[in-house]
Amino acid sequence: MILEALHNMVVTVITTTFGWLPSLPEMSETIVDIGEWIVDIVTAPVQSVSMFYGRTLWNVILVMVVAIFNYEKIFKGTMFILKKIPFLNIK
């Protein structure tokens, strides 16, 4: 209920803010083509890499990078948990 009210309020603010602007003319084809060309240049390397490597590999790499950067915190947390198990006798 609160989220719906906030959503309606944001939509109303955006509508009233941009509603008074005049209708803008359409862009020329040259500008649209240049924009599409820039987007193609930026996304081409990503598409070529993703063609060879799947999403699963990138997920594993991301998890490994996060684990490497947080190794000390992970080690301390694991040791804290292991020290709480008395029959393991870890000191």
N, C-alpha and C. Protein backbone atom coordinates (compact mmCIF):
# COMPACT_ATOMS: atom_id res chain seq x y z
N MET A 1 0.83 -1.19 0.00
CA MET A 1 0.00 0.00 0.00
C MET A 1 0.87 1.26 0.00
N ILE A 2 1.89 1.24 0.86
CA ILE A 2 2.79 2.39 0.92
C ILE A 2 3.61 2.48 -0.36
N LEU A 3 4.08 1.33 -0.84
CA LEU A 3 4.85 1.33 -2.09
C LEU A 3 4.02 1.82 -3.26
N GLU A 4 2.76 1.43 -3.29
CA GLU A 4 1.87 1.88 -4.37
C GLU A 4 1.68 3.39 -4.30
N ALA A 5 1.54 3.93 -3.10
CA ALA A 5 1.38 5.37 -2.95
C ALA A 5 2.65 6.11 -3.38
N LEU A 6 3.81 5.57 -3.00
CA LEU A 6 5.08 6.18 -3.43
C LEU A 6 5.23 6.12 -4.95
N HIS A 7 4.86 4.98 -5.53
CA HIS A 7 4.93 4.85 -6.99
C HIS A 7 4.03 5.87 -7.68
N ASN A 8 2.81 6.00 -7.19
CA ASN A 8 1.88 6.97 -7.78
C ASN A 8 2.41 8.39 -7.62
N MET A 9 3.04 8.68 -6.49
CA MET A 9 3.57 10.02 -6.27
C MET A 9 4.73 10.30 -7.23
N VAL A 10 5.61 9.33 -7.43
CA VAL A 10 6.73 9.52 -8.36
C VAL A 10 6.21 9.71 -9.78
N VAL A 11 5.25 8.90 -10.19
CA VAL A 11 4.68 9.02 -11.53
C VAL A 11 4.04 10.39 -11.71
N THR A 12 3.34 10.86 -10.69
CA THR A 12 2.69 12.17 -10.78
C THR A 12 3.71 13.29 -10.89
N VAL A 13 4.77 13.21 -10.11
CA VAL A 13 5.82 14.25 -10.17
C VAL A 13 6.49 14.26 -11.54
N ILE A 14 6.81 13.09 -12.05
CA ILE A 14 7.45 13.02 -13.37
C ILE A 14 6.51 13.53 -14.46
N THR A 15 5.25 13.14 -14.38
CA THR A 15 4.28 13.58 -15.38
C THR A 15 4.09 15.10 -15.36
N THR A 16 3.99 15.66 -14.18
CA THR A 16 3.79 17.11 -14.11
C THR A 16 5.07 17.87 -14.47
N THR A 17 6.23 17.29 -14.18
CA THR A 17 7.49 17.96 -14.50
C THR A 17 7.72 18.01 -16.00
N PHE A 18 7.52 16.88 -16.66
CA PHE A 18 7.80 16.82 -18.10
C PHE A 18 6.56 17.06 -18.95
N GLY A 19 5.41 17.17 -18.36
CA GLY A 19 4.19 17.37 -19.13
C GLY A 19 4.08 18.75 -19.76
N TRP A 20 4.70 19.73 -19.16
CA TRP A 20 4.59 21.08 -19.68
C TRP A 20 5.57 21.36 -20.82
N LEU A 21 6.50 20.43 -21.06
CA LEU A 21 7.42 20.60 -22.18
C LEU A 21 6.68 20.46 -23.51
N PRO A 22 7.04 21.23 -24.50
CA PRO A 22 6.37 21.08 -25.80
C PRO A 22 6.80 19.77 -26.48
N SER A 23 6.02 19.34 -27.40
CA SER A 23 6.37 18.14 -28.14
C SER A 23 7.63 18.40 -28.95
N LEU A 24 8.59 17.51 -28.79
CA LEU A 24 9.86 17.69 -29.48
C LEU A 24 9.77 17.11 -30.89
N PRO A 25 10.44 17.72 -31.84
CA PRO A 25 10.42 17.16 -33.19
C PRO A 25 11.23 15.86 -33.24
N GLU A 26 10.98 15.05 -34.25
CA GLU A 26 11.71 13.80 -34.39
C GLU A 26 13.15 14.09 -34.77
N MET A 27 14.04 13.21 -34.34
CA MET A 27 15.45 13.35 -34.68
C MET A 27 15.68 12.97 -36.12
N SER A 28 16.70 13.54 -36.69
CA SER A 28 17.02 13.20 -38.07
C SER A 28 17.62 11.79 -38.11
N GLU A 29 17.55 11.16 -39.26
CA GLU A 29 18.05 9.80 -39.43
C GLU A 29 19.55 9.72 -39.21
N THR A 30 20.26 10.79 -39.53
CA THR A 30 21.71 10.80 -39.34
C THR A 30 22.07 10.67 -37.87
N ILE A 31 21.40 11.41 -37.02
CA ILE A 31 21.68 11.34 -35.58
C ILE A 31 21.31 9.97 -35.03
N VAL A 32 20.20 9.41 -35.48
CA VAL A 32 19.79 8.09 -35.02
C VAL A 32 20.80 7.04 -35.47
N ASP A 33 21.27 7.15 -36.70
CA ASP A 33 22.28 6.21 -37.20
C ASP A 33 23.59 6.29 -36.42
N ILE A 34 24.01 7.50 -36.09
CA ILE A 34 25.24 7.68 -35.31
C ILE A 34 25.08 7.06 -33.93
N GLY A 35 23.94 7.25 -33.32
CA GLY A 35 23.67 6.66 -32.01
C GLY A 35 23.69 5.14 -32.05
N GLU A 36 23.07 4.57 -33.07
CA GLU A 36 23.08 3.11 -33.22
C GLU A 36 24.49 2.60 -33.48
N TRP A 37 25.28 3.36 -34.24
CA TRP A 37 26.65 2.96 -34.54
C TRP A 37 27.49 2.93 -33.26
N ILE A 38 27.32 3.93 -32.39
CA ILE A 38 28.06 3.97 -31.13
C ILE A 38 27.66 2.80 -30.24
N VAL A 39 26.38 2.50 -30.16
CA VAL A 39 25.92 1.37 -29.35
C VAL A 39 26.47 0.06 -29.91
N ASP A 40 26.52 -0.07 -31.22
CA ASP A 40 27.08 -1.28 -31.84
C ASP A 40 28.56 -1.44 -31.50
N ILE A 41 29.31 -0.35 -31.53
CA ILE A 41 30.74 -0.40 -31.21
C ILE A 41 30.95 -0.83 -29.76
N VAL A 42 30.13 -0.32 -28.87
CA VAL A 42 30.29 -0.65 -27.45
C VAL A 42 29.88 -2.09 -27.16
N THR A 43 28.82 -2.59 -27.80
CA THR A 43 28.32 -3.92 -27.48
C THR A 43 28.98 -5.04 -28.27
N ALA A 44 29.71 -4.74 -29.32
CA ALA A 44 30.33 -5.78 -30.14
C ALA A 44 31.33 -6.63 -29.37
N PRO A 45 32.25 -6.06 -28.59
CA PRO A 45 33.18 -6.92 -27.84
C PRO A 45 32.47 -7.82 -26.83
N VAL A 46 31.45 -7.31 -26.21
CA VAL A 46 30.72 -8.12 -25.24
C VAL A 46 30.04 -9.29 -25.92
N GLN A 47 29.48 -9.07 -27.09
CA GLN A 47 28.81 -10.15 -27.80
C GLN A 47 29.81 -11.20 -28.28
N SER A 48 30.99 -10.77 -28.73
CA SER A 48 31.97 -11.74 -29.21
C SER A 48 32.52 -12.57 -28.06
N VAL A 49 32.73 -11.98 -26.90
CA VAL A 49 33.22 -12.73 -25.75
C VAL A 49 32.13 -13.67 -25.24
N SER A 50 30.91 -13.20 -25.17
CA SER A 50 29.83 -14.06 -24.67
C SER A 50 29.50 -15.18 -25.64
N MET A 51 29.94 -15.06 -26.89
CA MET A 51 29.72 -16.14 -27.84
C MET A 51 30.59 -17.35 -27.47
N PHE A 52 31.78 -17.11 -26.93
CA PHE A 52 32.69 -18.19 -26.59
C PHE A 52 32.52 -18.68 -25.15
N TYR A 53 32.16 -17.79 -24.27
CA TYR A 53 32.05 -18.14 -22.86
C TYR A 53 30.61 -17.92 -22.41
N GLY A 54 30.08 -18.90 -21.70
CA GLY A 54 28.69 -18.82 -21.28
C GLY A 54 28.50 -18.02 -20.00
N ARG A 55 27.26 -17.85 -19.64
CA ARG A 55 26.89 -17.09 -18.45
C ARG A 55 27.39 -17.79 -17.18
N THR A 56 27.40 -19.11 -17.19
CA THR A 56 27.84 -19.86 -16.02
C THR A 56 29.29 -19.54 -15.69
N LEU A 57 30.14 -19.48 -16.70
CA LEU A 57 31.55 -19.16 -16.47
C LEU A 57 31.70 -17.78 -15.85
N TRP A 58 30.97 -16.81 -16.35
CA TRP A 58 31.07 -15.45 -15.81
C TRP A 58 30.57 -15.40 -14.37
N ASN A 59 29.54 -16.19 -14.03
CA ASN A 59 29.07 -16.24 -12.65
C ASN A 59 30.14 -16.83 -11.74
N VAL A 60 30.81 -17.90 -12.19
CA VAL A 60 31.87 -18.51 -11.40
C VAL A 60 33.03 -17.54 -11.22
N ILE A 61 33.42 -16.84 -12.28
CA ILE A 61 34.51 -15.87 -12.19
C ILE A 61 34.16 -14.75 -11.21
N LEU A 62 32.93 -14.27 -11.26
CA LEU A 62 32.50 -13.22 -10.35
C LEU A 62 32.56 -13.68 -8.90
N VAL A 63 32.10 -14.90 -8.63
CA VAL A 63 32.15 -15.44 -7.27
C VAL A 63 33.59 -15.58 -6.81
N MET A 64 34.47 -16.05 -7.69
CA MET A 64 35.88 -16.21 -7.32
C MET A 64 36.55 -14.87 -7.04
N VAL A 65 36.24 -13.86 -7.83
CA VAL A 65 36.83 -12.53 -7.60
C VAL A 65 36.36 -11.96 -6.27
N VAL A 66 35.07 -12.10 -5.98
CA VAL A 66 34.55 -11.61 -4.70
C VAL A 66 35.20 -12.37 -3.55
N ALA A 67 35.36 -13.70 -3.69
CA ALA A 67 35.99 -14.50 -2.64
C ALA A 67 37.45 -14.11 -2.44
N ILE A 68 38.17 -13.82 -3.52
CA ILE A 68 39.58 -13.43 -3.40
C ILE A 68 39.71 -12.09 -2.69
N PHE A 69 38.87 -11.13 -3.04
CA PHE A 69 38.96 -9.82 -2.40
C PHE A 69 38.50 -9.85 -0.95
N ASN A 70 37.66 -10.80 -0.58
CA ASN A 70 37.16 -10.90 0.79
C ASN A 70 37.70 -12.12 1.51
N TYR A 71 38.88 -12.59 1.12
CA TYR A 71 39.44 -13.82 1.68
C TYR A 71 39.59 -13.74 3.19
N GLU A 72 40.13 -12.64 3.69
CA GLU A 72 40.40 -12.53 5.12
C GLU A 72 39.10 -12.58 5.92
N LYS A 73 38.07 -11.90 5.47
CA LYS A 73 36.78 -11.91 6.17
C LYS A 73 36.16 -13.30 6.13
N ILE A 74 36.26 -13.97 4.99
CA ILE A 74 35.71 -15.32 4.87
C ILE A 74 36.47 -16.27 5.78
N PHE A 75 37.79 -16.15 5.83
CA PHE A 75 38.60 -17.02 6.68
C PHE A 75 38.26 -16.80 8.15
N LYS A 76 38.17 -15.55 8.58
CA LYS A 76 37.85 -15.25 9.97
C LYS A 76 36.46 -15.76 10.33
N GLY A 77 35.49 -15.60 9.43
CA GLY A 77 34.14 -16.09 9.70
C GLY A 77 34.09 -17.60 9.78
N THR A 78 34.81 -18.28 8.90
CA THR A 78 34.85 -19.74 8.93
C THR A 78 35.51 -20.24 10.20
N MET A 79 36.63 -19.63 10.59
CA MET A 79 37.31 -20.04 11.81
C MET A 79 36.45 -19.77 13.04
N PHE A 80 35.70 -18.69 13.04
CA PHE A 80 34.81 -18.39 14.16
C PHE A 80 33.76 -19.48 14.32
N ILE A 81 33.19 -19.91 13.20
CA ILE A 81 32.17 -20.96 13.24
C ILE A 81 32.79 -22.29 13.67
N LEU A 82 33.98 -22.62 13.14
CA LEU A 82 34.63 -23.88 13.49
C LEU A 82 35.05 -23.91 14.95
N LYS A 83 35.44 -22.79 15.52
CA LYS A 83 35.82 -22.75 16.93
C LYS A 83 34.62 -22.95 17.85
N LYS A 84 33.42 -22.71 17.35
CA LYS A 84 32.22 -22.89 18.16
C LYS A 84 31.80 -24.35 18.24
N ILE A 85 32.37 -25.22 17.41
CA ILE A 85 32.05 -26.65 17.44
C ILE A 85 33.07 -27.31 18.37
N PRO A 86 32.63 -27.76 19.57
CA PRO A 86 33.61 -28.21 20.57
C PRO A 86 34.33 -29.51 20.23
N PHE A 87 33.70 -30.46 19.58
CA PHE A 87 34.35 -31.75 19.36
C PHE A 87 35.41 -31.71 18.27
N LEU A 88 35.52 -30.60 17.50
CA LEU A 88 36.58 -30.48 16.51
C LEU A 88 37.91 -30.10 17.15
N ASN A 89 37.85 -29.49 18.34
CA ASN A 89 39.02 -29.10 19.12
C ASN A 89 39.96 -28.19 18.31
N ILE A 90 39.41 -27.18 17.65
CA ILE A 90 40.21 -26.20 16.89
C ILE A 90 40.44 -24.99 17.77
N LYS A 91 41.71 -24.59 17.85
CA LYS A 91 42.05 -23.43 18.70
C LYS A 91 42.66 -22.32 17.89
